[in-house]
Amino acid sequence: MTGRPNSLAARDVASLIHPYTNLDKHKTDGPLVIARGEGVYVYDETGKRYLEGMAGLWSTSLGFSEPRLVEAARRQMEQLPTYHIFNSRSTEPSIEAAEELLKIVPKGLGKVLFANSGSEANDQAAKIVWFYNNALGRPRKKRIIGRVRGYHGITVFSGSMTGLAANHVEWDLPVGGILRTDCPSHYLYGRPGESEAQFVDRLVANLEDMIIREGPDTIGAFIAEPVNGAGGVIVPPADYFPRIQQVLRKYDVLMIADEVICGFGRTGEMFGCDTFGIEPDIMTVAKALSSAYLPISATIISDTIAETITAHAGKVGNFAHGFTYAGHPVAAAVALETLRIYKERDIVSQVKALAPHLQSRLRALGSHPLVGEARGVGLIGALQLVADKATRRPLPPAEGIGALIQQGAMARGVIVRAGPDAVFVCPPLIITAEQIDEMMDAVAAALDEAHAVAEQRGLLGRAQSAAG
């Protein structure tokens, strides 16, 4: 598959290490080389077209050919191609992008700290928690509670806040300072006969018990995605976050909302916080902040935290944190133009109009013999893969049925993503109803194909075989 010795594929294998890739398999299989993009589609080097059903990496909200973003980058490149915001320097794009962000974020958030990726945004969120509690004379109030199946990045500390085994095994993670609490999936973690309300009661009680057991004076923050992304597109029960926040406020634990995937319209509101009733003390954004056209992220903090750390930085003489490219003028200019497009085109209303169609197509696949649960909100969703619908027994990961579905969709010109136990969709926000049908038709056909393979291998329960 790597082709000629001088082909792009062969040169790739000879020179690159690919994130989240079976590196040994890649040596023989090689890459899919993407050459160009247009709207919701990308084209490989042979000219084959693919509907990008994952918006790249949950991120390319405005598609792959938005001319206004290209022009914003070009214009800024000509005027001031690079500069920093260290040592009280600034640039107009970084100022304006921060101002526009603060106009749309949840109430109470008042200052923006830029970075380059979601991992960095979450990493510095943790550092802010530590600096803030030092400023308040609370040197023990530093540990951060993450959740099972949470995903917050892959730096040493953001990777530790992440709650996925693959990000820890053989990486010597997590490091110290992390606690882990429940994932809010009633389907995956509800007990037999336990109602969703009882499930939420149990999760809230478990969190409070943990805080009391570990000592409230040692717990600095709780971090959560409104909808878990890489952990399975877990949509929480409606009252989960309001109940969780009651506990956090009771013990003076900060709420960090990781909006890296959910932010900027994905859930049908501007932020997942708006959809699920979250009132964050700190919020992180990335990905759709620039429609992923250039790397940029932000950690947005409350006025209270900002005032406290500002005074403390004055006391110690410096706020000794920051990235060279934080608020980079070209990335900030593209982010600013992205935010303007969201407002001018009322992207949230577009998502609200299309979401019922995507969710209906997803729910229809919930009856498929390989699907235990179809779930989603807005323009994001997942199909939970099972070997037996009645017992919810998962398929053996080593059998690679999810990967087969991903490959089957790709053969039909649609890119989706398979996790160990689910298949995800997260298309660009500019997708049309017809394109949603194109995407979901390919997924449905790929499911049928994978079901035949699973049946042939004897992986399915009796109920599945009959249903198939």
Protein backbone atom coordinates (compact mmCIF):
# COMPACT_ATOMS: atom_id res chain seq x y z
CA MET A 1 0.00 0.00 0.00
CA THR A 2 2.99 2.27 0.43
CA GLY A 3 3.45 2.10 -3.35
CA ARG A 4 6.48 3.34 -5.23
CA PRO A 5 9.69 4.05 -3.29
CA ASN A 6 9.35 7.79 -3.95
CA SER A 7 5.58 7.97 -3.42
CA LEU A 8 4.16 10.21 -0.70
CA ALA A 9 3.05 7.09 1.19
CA ALA A 10 6.54 5.57 1.14
CA ARG A 11 8.13 8.86 2.16
CA ASP A 12 5.61 9.15 5.00
CA VAL A 13 6.48 5.69 6.36
CA ALA A 14 10.18 6.55 6.16
CA SER A 15 9.92 9.85 7.99
CA LEU A 16 6.85 10.31 10.22
CA ILE A 17 5.56 9.03 13.54
CA HIS A 18 1.76 9.22 13.53
CA PRO A 19 -0.28 9.97 16.66
CA TYR A 20 -2.93 7.43 17.67
CA THR A 21 -1.74 4.94 15.06
CA ASN A 22 -0.63 1.31 15.14
CA LEU A 23 2.91 2.21 14.15
CA ASP A 24 3.93 -1.34 13.29
CA LYS A 25 0.89 -1.87 11.05
CA HIS A 26 1.46 1.54 9.48
CA LYS A 27 4.87 0.39 8.19
CA THR A 28 3.13 -1.98 5.78
CA ASP A 29 -0.28 -0.33 5.27
CA GLY A 30 0.93 3.26 4.91
CA PRO A 31 -1.20 6.42 5.19
CA LEU A 32 -4.25 7.82 3.47
CA VAL A 33 -2.76 11.00 2.02
CA ILE A 34 -5.29 13.83 1.95
CA ALA A 35 -4.57 16.35 -0.79
CA ARG A 36 -7.31 18.98 -0.65
CA GLY A 37 -10.65 19.94 0.87
CA GLU A 38 -13.92 21.47 -0.25
CA GLY A 39 -16.85 22.10 2.08
CA VAL A 40 -17.52 18.97 4.15
CA TYR A 41 -15.41 16.84 1.80
CA VAL A 42 -11.72 16.00 1.56
CA TYR A 43 -9.94 14.36 -1.38
CA ASP A 44 -7.05 11.94 -1.28
CA GLU A 45 -4.06 12.06 -3.59
CA THR A 46 -5.84 9.86 -6.14
CA GLY A 47 -8.79 12.24 -6.28
CA LYS A 48 -11.22 10.04 -4.30
CA ARG A 49 -13.73 12.12 -2.33
CA TYR A 50 -14.65 11.51 1.31
CA LEU A 51 -17.35 13.13 3.40
CA GLU A 52 -15.43 14.05 6.56
CA GLY A 53 -17.87 12.76 9.18
CA MET A 54 -15.52 13.58 12.05
CA ALA A 55 -14.78 17.21 11.05
CA GLY A 56 -11.13 16.16 11.00
CA LEU A 57 -10.51 15.64 14.71
CA TRP A 58 -13.90 16.85 16.03
CA SER A 59 -12.74 20.30 15.00
CA THR A 60 -13.24 21.64 11.47
CA SER A 61 -16.60 23.27 12.12
CA LEU A 62 -16.72 25.45 8.99
CA GLY A 63 -15.50 22.83 6.54
CA PHE A 64 -12.30 22.63 4.54
CA SER A 65 -12.55 25.60 2.19
CA GLU A 66 -13.79 28.69 4.05
CA PRO A 67 -12.26 31.59 2.05
CA ARG A 68 -12.74 34.16 4.81
CA LEU A 69 -10.43 32.23 7.12
CA VAL A 70 -7.80 31.89 4.41
CA GLU A 71 -8.00 35.62 3.74
CA ALA A 72 -7.80 36.49 7.45
CA ALA A 73 -4.57 34.50 7.70
CA ARG A 74 -3.13 36.01 4.53
CA ARG A 75 -3.95 39.56 5.59
CA GLN A 76 -2.39 39.11 9.03
CA MET A 77 0.66 37.37 7.59
CA GLU A 78 1.36 40.45 5.50
CA GLN A 79 0.82 42.90 8.34
CA LEU A 80 2.46 41.16 11.31
CA PRO A 81 3.26 37.49 10.73
CA THR A 82 4.36 36.75 14.27
CA TYR A 83 4.82 38.30 17.67
CA HIS A 84 4.39 37.34 21.31
CA ILE A 85 2.38 38.63 24.26
CA PHE A 86 5.04 38.11 26.95
CA ASN A 87 6.35 41.01 29.06
CA SER A 88 3.29 43.25 28.56
CA ARG A 89 3.50 43.15 24.76
CA SER A 90 0.33 42.64 22.75
CA THR A 91 -1.16 42.53 19.28
CA GLU A 92 -4.52 43.66 17.96
CA PRO A 93 -5.74 40.19 16.89
CA SER A 94 -5.08 38.66 20.32
CA ILE A 95 -6.90 41.53 22.03
CA GLU A 96 -9.89 41.36 19.69
CA ALA A 97 -10.13 37.57 19.80
CA ALA A 98 -10.17 37.68 23.61
CA GLU A 99 -12.85 40.38 23.57
CA GLU A 100 -15.07 38.41 21.21
CA LEU A 101 -14.67 35.26 23.26
CA LEU A 102 -15.70 37.03 26.44
CA LYS A 103 -18.89 38.28 24.77
CA ILE A 104 -20.21 34.74 24.28
CA VAL A 105 -18.85 32.62 27.16
CA PRO A 106 -20.93 31.77 30.24
CA LYS A 107 -21.44 34.55 32.76
CA GLY A 108 -18.74 35.12 35.33
CA LEU A 109 -15.80 34.32 33.05
CA GLY A 110 -13.68 37.40 32.58
CA LYS A 111 -10.12 36.78 31.34
CA VAL A 112 -8.52 34.76 28.53
CA LEU A 113 -5.19 32.92 28.63
CA PHE A 114 -4.30 31.70 25.14
CA ALA A 115 -2.38 28.54 24.23
CA ASN A 116 -2.05 26.30 21.18
CA SER A 117 -3.98 23.08 21.83
CA GLY A 118 -6.67 21.61 24.01
CA SER A 119 -4.04 19.66 25.93
CA GLU A 120 -2.20 22.88 26.76
CA ALA A 121 -5.42 24.70 27.66
CA ASN A 122 -6.31 21.99 30.17
CA ASP A 123 -2.75 21.69 31.44
CA GLN A 124 -2.62 25.39 32.24
CA ALA A 125 -6.10 25.20 33.78
CA ALA A 126 -4.59 22.85 36.36
CA LYS A 127 -1.67 25.21 36.92
CA ILE A 128 -4.09 28.09 37.44
CA VAL A 129 -5.88 26.03 40.11
CA TRP A 130 -2.57 25.50 41.89
CA PHE A 131 -1.43 29.13 41.59
CA TYR A 132 -4.85 30.35 42.74
CA ASN A 133 -4.88 28.18 45.85
CA ASN A 134 -1.33 29.18 46.70
CA ALA A 135 -2.47 32.78 46.44
CA LEU A 136 -5.24 32.02 48.94
CA GLY A 137 -2.83 30.33 51.35
CA ARG A 138 -4.26 26.86 50.69
CA PRO A 139 -1.17 24.86 49.72
CA ARG A 140 -2.92 21.47 50.13
CA LYS A 141 -6.00 22.27 47.99
CA LYS A 142 -4.46 21.07 44.73
CA ARG A 143 -5.78 17.68 43.64
CA ILE A 144 -8.06 17.52 40.62
CA ILE A 145 -10.92 15.09 40.15
CA GLY A 146 -11.31 13.71 36.64
CA ARG A 147 -13.78 11.09 35.43
CA VAL A 148 -13.62 7.60 34.00
CA ARG A 149 -13.71 7.96 30.16
CA GLY A 150 -12.88 11.66 30.35
CA TYR A 151 -10.44 12.99 27.76
CA HIS A 152 -8.48 16.16 28.48
CA GLY A 153 -5.36 15.81 26.38
CA ILE A 154 -2.01 14.05 26.31
CA THR A 155 0.58 16.25 28.03
CA VAL A 156 1.95 14.75 31.23
CA PHE A 157 -0.70 16.37 33.40
CA SER A 158 -3.62 16.71 30.99
CA GLY A 159 -2.97 13.08 30.08
CA SER A 160 -3.22 12.26 33.77
CA MET A 161 -6.57 14.05 34.04
CA THR A 162 -7.70 11.95 31.07
CA GLY A 163 -9.50 8.80 32.22
CA LEU A 164 -8.71 6.37 29.40
CA ALA A 165 -6.47 3.37 29.96
CA ALA A 166 -4.78 3.60 26.54
CA ASN A 167 -3.41 7.01 27.47
CA HIS A 168 -1.89 5.63 30.68
CA VAL A 169 -0.64 2.10 29.97
CA GLU A 170 3.10 2.13 29.22
CA TRP A 171 3.19 5.93 29.53
CA ASP A 172 3.73 5.97 33.33
CA LEU A 173 0.53 7.96 33.80
CA PRO A 174 -1.29 9.21 35.72
CA VAL A 175 1.15 11.20 37.81
CA GLY A 176 0.18 12.28 41.32
CA GLY A 177 -2.50 14.80 42.15
CA ILE A 178 -5.38 13.12 40.30
CA LEU A 179 -8.52 11.46 41.62
CA ARG A 180 -11.05 9.64 39.44
CA THR A 181 -14.83 9.53 39.75
CA ASP A 182 -17.71 8.00 37.79
CA CYS A 183 -18.59 8.34 34.12
CA PRO A 184 -22.20 9.56 33.72
CA SER A 185 -23.34 6.87 31.27
CA HIS A 186 -26.45 5.15 32.57
CA TYR A 187 -26.27 2.65 29.71
CA LEU A 188 -22.69 1.59 30.46
CA TYR A 189 -22.58 1.93 34.24
CA GLY A 190 -26.15 1.78 35.54
CA ARG A 191 -26.84 -1.15 37.86
CA PRO A 192 -29.56 -3.70 37.06
CA GLY A 193 -32.95 -2.13 37.80
CA GLU A 194 -31.40 1.25 38.64
CA SER A 195 -33.35 4.19 37.17
CA GLU A 196 -31.53 7.11 35.62
CA ALA A 197 -32.51 9.28 38.61
CA GLN A 198 -31.13 6.69 41.02
CA PHE A 199 -27.98 6.47 38.91
CA VAL A 200 -27.43 10.23 39.21
CA ASP A 201 -28.09 10.04 42.97
CA ARG A 202 -25.39 7.38 43.26
CA LEU A 203 -22.83 9.34 41.21
CA VAL A 204 -23.43 12.51 43.18
CA ALA A 205 -23.14 10.62 46.48
CA ASN A 206 -19.95 8.91 45.30
CA LEU A 207 -18.41 12.28 44.44
CA GLU A 208 -19.32 13.79 47.79
CA ASP A 209 -18.06 10.72 49.65
CA MET A 210 -14.74 10.98 47.78
CA ILE A 211 -14.32 14.64 48.65
CA ILE A 212 -15.08 13.98 52.33
CA ARG A 213 -12.85 10.90 52.44
CA GLU A 214 -9.89 12.59 50.75
CA GLY A 215 -10.39 15.89 52.57
CA PRO A 216 -12.01 18.98 51.02
CA ASP A 217 -8.88 20.96 51.87
CA THR A 218 -6.96 18.79 49.37
CA ILE A 219 -9.37 19.03 46.40
CA GLY A 220 -8.85 22.00 44.10
CA ALA A 221 -11.03 21.31 41.06
CA PHE A 222 -13.28 18.94 39.14
CA ILE A 223 -12.78 18.71 35.36
CA ALA A 224 -15.37 17.43 32.90
CA GLU A 225 -16.41 17.63 29.28
CA PRO A 226 -20.10 18.52 28.91
CA VAL A 227 -20.27 15.56 26.51
CA ASN A 228 -17.37 13.12 26.71
CA GLY A 229 -15.77 13.01 23.28
CA ALA A 230 -13.06 10.39 22.78
CA GLY A 231 -14.38 8.50 25.81
CA GLY A 232 -17.52 7.55 23.91
CA VAL A 233 -19.70 10.63 23.22
CA ILE A 234 -21.34 10.18 26.62
CA VAL A 235 -24.39 12.45 26.95
CA PRO A 236 -25.08 12.98 30.66
CA PRO A 237 -28.52 12.85 32.27
CA ALA A 238 -30.20 16.27 32.26
CA ASP A 239 -29.79 16.94 36.00
CA TYR A 240 -26.30 15.46 36.34
CA PHE A 241 -24.24 18.65 36.14
CA PRO A 242 -26.51 20.86 38.30
CA ARG A 243 -26.40 18.18 41.00
CA ILE A 244 -22.64 17.72 40.71
CA GLN A 245 -22.07 21.47 40.99
CA GLN A 246 -24.07 21.63 44.21
CA VAL A 247 -21.49 19.32 45.73
CA LEU A 248 -18.56 21.26 44.26
CA ARG A 249 -19.84 24.56 45.66
CA LYS A 250 -20.47 23.00 49.06
CA TYR A 251 -16.79 22.08 49.36
CA ASP A 252 -15.33 25.06 47.47
CA VAL A 253 -14.08 22.94 44.55
CA LEU A 254 -13.62 24.74 41.23
CA MET A 255 -15.50 23.57 38.13
CA ILE A 256 -13.36 23.24 34.97
CA ALA A 257 -15.49 22.78 31.85
CA ASP A 258 -13.52 21.23 28.99
CA GLU A 259 -15.29 22.62 25.91
CA VAL A 260 -12.57 21.60 23.46
CA ILE A 261 -15.03 19.44 21.48
CA CYS A 262 -18.40 20.81 22.62
CA GLY A 263 -17.67 24.52 22.21
CA PHE A 264 -18.99 26.82 19.46
CA GLY A 265 -22.31 25.24 18.61
CA ARG A 266 -21.63 21.52 18.55
CA THR A 267 -24.32 20.62 21.13
CA GLY A 268 -26.99 22.97 19.75
CA GLU A 269 -26.03 25.89 22.00
CA MET A 270 -22.92 28.03 21.79
CA PHE A 271 -21.31 25.93 24.53
CA GLY A 272 -22.01 22.60 26.17
CA CYS A 273 -22.21 24.57 29.40
CA ASP A 274 -25.35 26.24 28.02
CA THR A 275 -26.84 22.88 27.03
CA PHE A 276 -26.28 21.15 30.35
CA GLY A 277 -26.53 23.93 32.93
CA ILE A 278 -22.85 24.19 33.82
CA GLU A 279 -21.54 27.34 35.51
CA PRO A 280 -17.77 27.00 35.15
CA ASP A 281 -15.05 28.74 37.11
CA ILE A 282 -12.63 27.85 34.32
CA MET A 283 -13.48 26.88 30.74
CA THR A 284 -11.14 25.57 28.06
CA VAL A 285 -11.66 25.85 24.30
CA ALA A 286 -9.68 24.89 21.19
CA LYS A 287 -10.49 23.02 17.92
CA ALA A 288 -13.52 24.97 16.58
CA LEU A 289 -12.12 28.23 17.99
CA SER A 290 -10.40 28.58 14.61
CA SER A 291 -12.32 25.82 12.81
CA ALA A 292 -8.94 24.10 13.28
CA TYR A 293 -7.43 26.18 10.47
CA LEU A 294 -4.58 27.19 12.77
CA PRO A 295 -3.56 25.93 16.22
CA ILE A 296 -5.07 28.07 18.99
CA SER A 297 -6.72 27.37 22.33
CA ALA A 298 -7.75 29.31 25.39
CA THR A 299 -8.23 28.87 29.11
CA ILE A 300 -10.94 31.30 30.20
CA ILE A 301 -11.11 32.06 33.92
CA SER A 302 -13.58 33.72 36.25
CA ASP A 303 -13.20 37.32 37.34
CA THR A 304 -12.65 36.09 40.90
CA ILE A 305 -9.78 33.81 39.92
CA ALA A 306 -8.30 36.48 37.62
CA GLU A 307 -8.26 39.10 40.38
CA THR A 308 -6.70 36.68 42.86
CA ILE A 309 -3.90 35.46 40.59
CA THR A 310 -3.21 39.01 39.37
CA ALA A 311 -2.61 40.17 42.90
CA HIS A 312 -0.49 37.11 43.67
CA ALA A 313 1.61 37.59 40.52
CA GLY A 314 2.29 41.12 41.71
CA LYS A 315 3.32 39.79 45.08
CA VAL A 316 5.75 37.18 43.72
CA GLY A 317 6.94 39.51 40.98
CA ASN A 318 5.84 37.62 37.86
CA PHE A 319 3.20 35.35 36.33
CA ALA A 320 5.83 32.86 35.22
CA HIS A 321 3.78 30.88 32.75
CA GLY A 322 3.09 31.10 29.02
CA PHE A 323 3.72 29.65 25.55
CA THR A 324 5.75 31.34 22.83
CA TYR A 325 2.86 31.10 20.40
CA ALA A 326 0.07 31.99 22.85
CA GLY A 327 -2.17 34.56 21.14
CA HIS A 328 -0.09 34.26 17.95
CA PRO A 329 -1.38 37.09 15.73
CA VAL A 330 -2.15 34.93 12.68
CA ALA A 331 -3.91 32.21 14.69
CA ALA A 332 -5.78 34.88 16.67
CA ALA A 333 -6.84 36.65 13.48
CA VAL A 334 -8.26 33.40 12.11
CA ALA A 335 -10.01 32.68 15.43
CA LEU A 336 -11.50 36.17 15.40
CA GLU A 337 -12.84 35.69 11.87
CA THR A 338 -14.22 32.28 12.88
CA LEU A 339 -16.12 33.84 15.78
CA ARG A 340 -17.49 36.51 13.45
CA ILE A 341 -18.73 33.85 11.02
CA TYR A 342 -20.46 31.96 13.82
CA LYS A 343 -22.32 35.13 14.74
CA GLU A 344 -23.13 36.34 11.22
CA ARG A 345 -24.34 32.94 10.00
CA ASP A 346 -26.06 32.10 13.30
CA ILE A 347 -24.31 28.75 13.39
CA VAL A 348 -26.14 27.72 16.56
CA SER A 349 -29.51 27.98 14.81
CA GLN A 350 -28.15 25.95 11.90
CA VAL A 351 -27.13 23.19 14.30
CA LYS A 352 -30.50 23.29 16.06
CA ALA A 353 -32.27 22.93 12.71
CA LEU A 354 -30.18 19.96 11.57
CA ALA A 355 -29.66 18.16 14.88
CA PRO A 356 -33.04 16.38 14.91
CA HIS A 357 -32.27 14.81 11.53
CA LEU A 358 -28.85 13.50 12.58
CA GLN A 359 -30.18 12.28 15.91
CA SER A 360 -33.13 10.56 14.18
CA ARG A 361 -30.79 8.74 11.80
CA LEU A 362 -28.60 7.69 14.74
CA ARG A 363 -31.57 6.48 16.82
CA ALA A 364 -32.82 4.44 13.86
CA LEU A 365 -29.55 2.49 13.94
CA GLY A 366 -30.17 1.71 17.60
CA SER A 367 -32.19 -1.30 16.43
CA HIS A 368 -29.25 -2.72 14.48
CA PRO A 369 -28.06 -6.04 15.92
CA LEU A 370 -24.54 -4.68 16.53
CA VAL A 371 -25.72 -1.50 18.30
CA GLY A 372 -26.46 -1.49 22.02
CA GLU A 373 -27.15 2.23 22.32
CA ALA A 374 -27.38 5.09 19.84
CA ARG A 375 -26.75 8.41 21.56
CA GLY A 376 -25.93 12.01 20.80
CA VAL A 377 -26.88 15.65 21.01
CA GLY A 378 -26.64 18.44 18.46
CA LEU A 379 -24.29 17.38 15.67
CA ILE A 380 -22.34 14.74 17.57
CA GLY A 381 -23.22 11.13 18.22
CA ALA A 382 -22.09 7.56 18.79
CA LEU A 383 -23.18 3.96 18.26
CA GLN A 384 -22.23 1.65 21.12
CA LEU A 385 -21.15 -1.71 19.71
CA VAL A 386 -22.18 -4.92 21.46
CA ALA A 387 -22.02 -8.66 20.89
CA ASP A 388 -25.32 -9.16 22.71
CA LYS A 389 -28.01 -6.50 23.02
CA ALA A 390 -29.77 -8.20 25.95
CA THR A 391 -26.70 -8.58 28.16
CA ARG A 392 -24.82 -5.58 26.70
CA ARG A 393 -21.80 -7.83 26.32
CA PRO A 394 -19.13 -5.94 24.37
CA LEU A 395 -17.39 -7.25 21.29
CA PRO A 396 -13.81 -8.42 21.90
CA PRO A 397 -11.60 -5.40 21.08
CA ALA A 398 -9.00 -7.67 19.46
CA GLU A 399 -11.52 -8.60 16.78
CA GLY A 400 -11.44 -5.04 15.46
CA ILE A 401 -15.14 -4.83 14.53
CA GLY A 402 -15.16 -1.06 15.09
CA ALA A 403 -12.20 -0.71 12.74
CA LEU A 404 -14.07 -2.79 10.15
CA ILE A 405 -16.99 -0.36 10.33
CA GLN A 406 -14.61 2.58 9.94
CA GLN A 407 -13.01 0.91 6.91
CA GLY A 408 -16.38 0.00 5.43
CA ALA A 409 -17.57 3.60 5.67
CA MET A 410 -14.33 4.83 4.15
CA ALA A 411 -14.69 2.45 1.22
CA ARG A 412 -18.05 4.18 0.63
CA GLY A 413 -16.47 7.63 0.75
CA VAL A 414 -17.27 8.57 4.36
CA ILE A 415 -14.83 9.10 7.21
CA VAL A 416 -16.02 8.23 10.71
CA ARG A 417 -14.04 7.18 13.77
CA ALA A 418 -14.07 3.92 15.67
CA GLY A 419 -13.11 3.62 19.32
CA PRO A 420 -12.62 0.32 21.14
CA ASP A 421 -16.37 -0.09 21.71
CA ALA A 422 -18.16 2.61 19.70
CA VAL A 423 -18.33 4.39 16.36
CA PHE A 424 -18.46 8.19 16.40
CA VAL A 425 -19.79 10.89 14.08
CA CYS A 426 -19.06 14.60 14.46
CA PRO A 427 -19.45 16.29 11.07
CA PRO A 428 -18.66 19.92 10.17
CA LEU A 429 -21.40 22.24 11.38
CA ILE A 430 -22.04 23.35 7.78
CA ILE A 431 -23.29 19.90 6.77
CA THR A 432 -26.69 19.66 5.03
CA ALA A 433 -29.53 17.22 5.65
CA GLU A 434 -28.70 15.46 2.38
CA GLN A 435 -25.07 15.09 3.41
CA ILE A 436 -26.16 13.71 6.80
CA ASP A 437 -28.07 11.04 4.86
CA GLU A 438 -25.00 10.33 2.74
CA MET A 439 -22.93 9.89 5.91
CA MET A 440 -25.44 7.75 7.78
CA ASP A 441 -26.25 5.57 4.76
CA ALA A 442 -22.56 4.65 4.56
CA VAL A 443 -22.43 3.93 8.31
CA ALA A 444 -25.53 1.72 8.07
CA ALA A 445 -24.06 -0.28 5.18
CA ALA A 446 -20.75 -0.63 7.01
CA LEU A 447 -22.59 -1.88 10.10
CA ASP A 448 -24.32 -4.55 8.03
CA GLU A 449 -21.02 -5.62 6.54
CA ALA A 450 -19.32 -5.79 9.94
CA HIS A 451 -22.28 -7.69 11.39
CA ALA A 452 -21.85 -10.40 8.75
CA VAL A 453 -18.17 -10.71 9.69
CA ALA A 454 -18.94 -10.83 13.43
CA GLU A 455 -21.56 -13.50 12.83
CA GLN A 456 -19.18 -15.52 10.69
CA ARG A 457 -16.58 -15.39 13.47
CA GLY A 458 -19.12 -16.56 16.05
CA LEU A 459 -18.85 -13.37 18.12
CA LEU A 460 -22.55 -12.70 18.56
CA GLY A 461 -25.14 -13.78 21.07
CA ARG A 462 -28.06 -15.90 19.95
CA ALA A 463 -30.39 -12.91 19.88
CA GLN A 464 -28.08 -11.10 17.48
CA SER A 465 -27.73 -13.98 15.09
CA ALA A 466 -31.48 -14.31 14.86
CA ALA A 467 -31.93 -10.57 14.42
CA GLY A 468 -29.30 -10.52 11.70
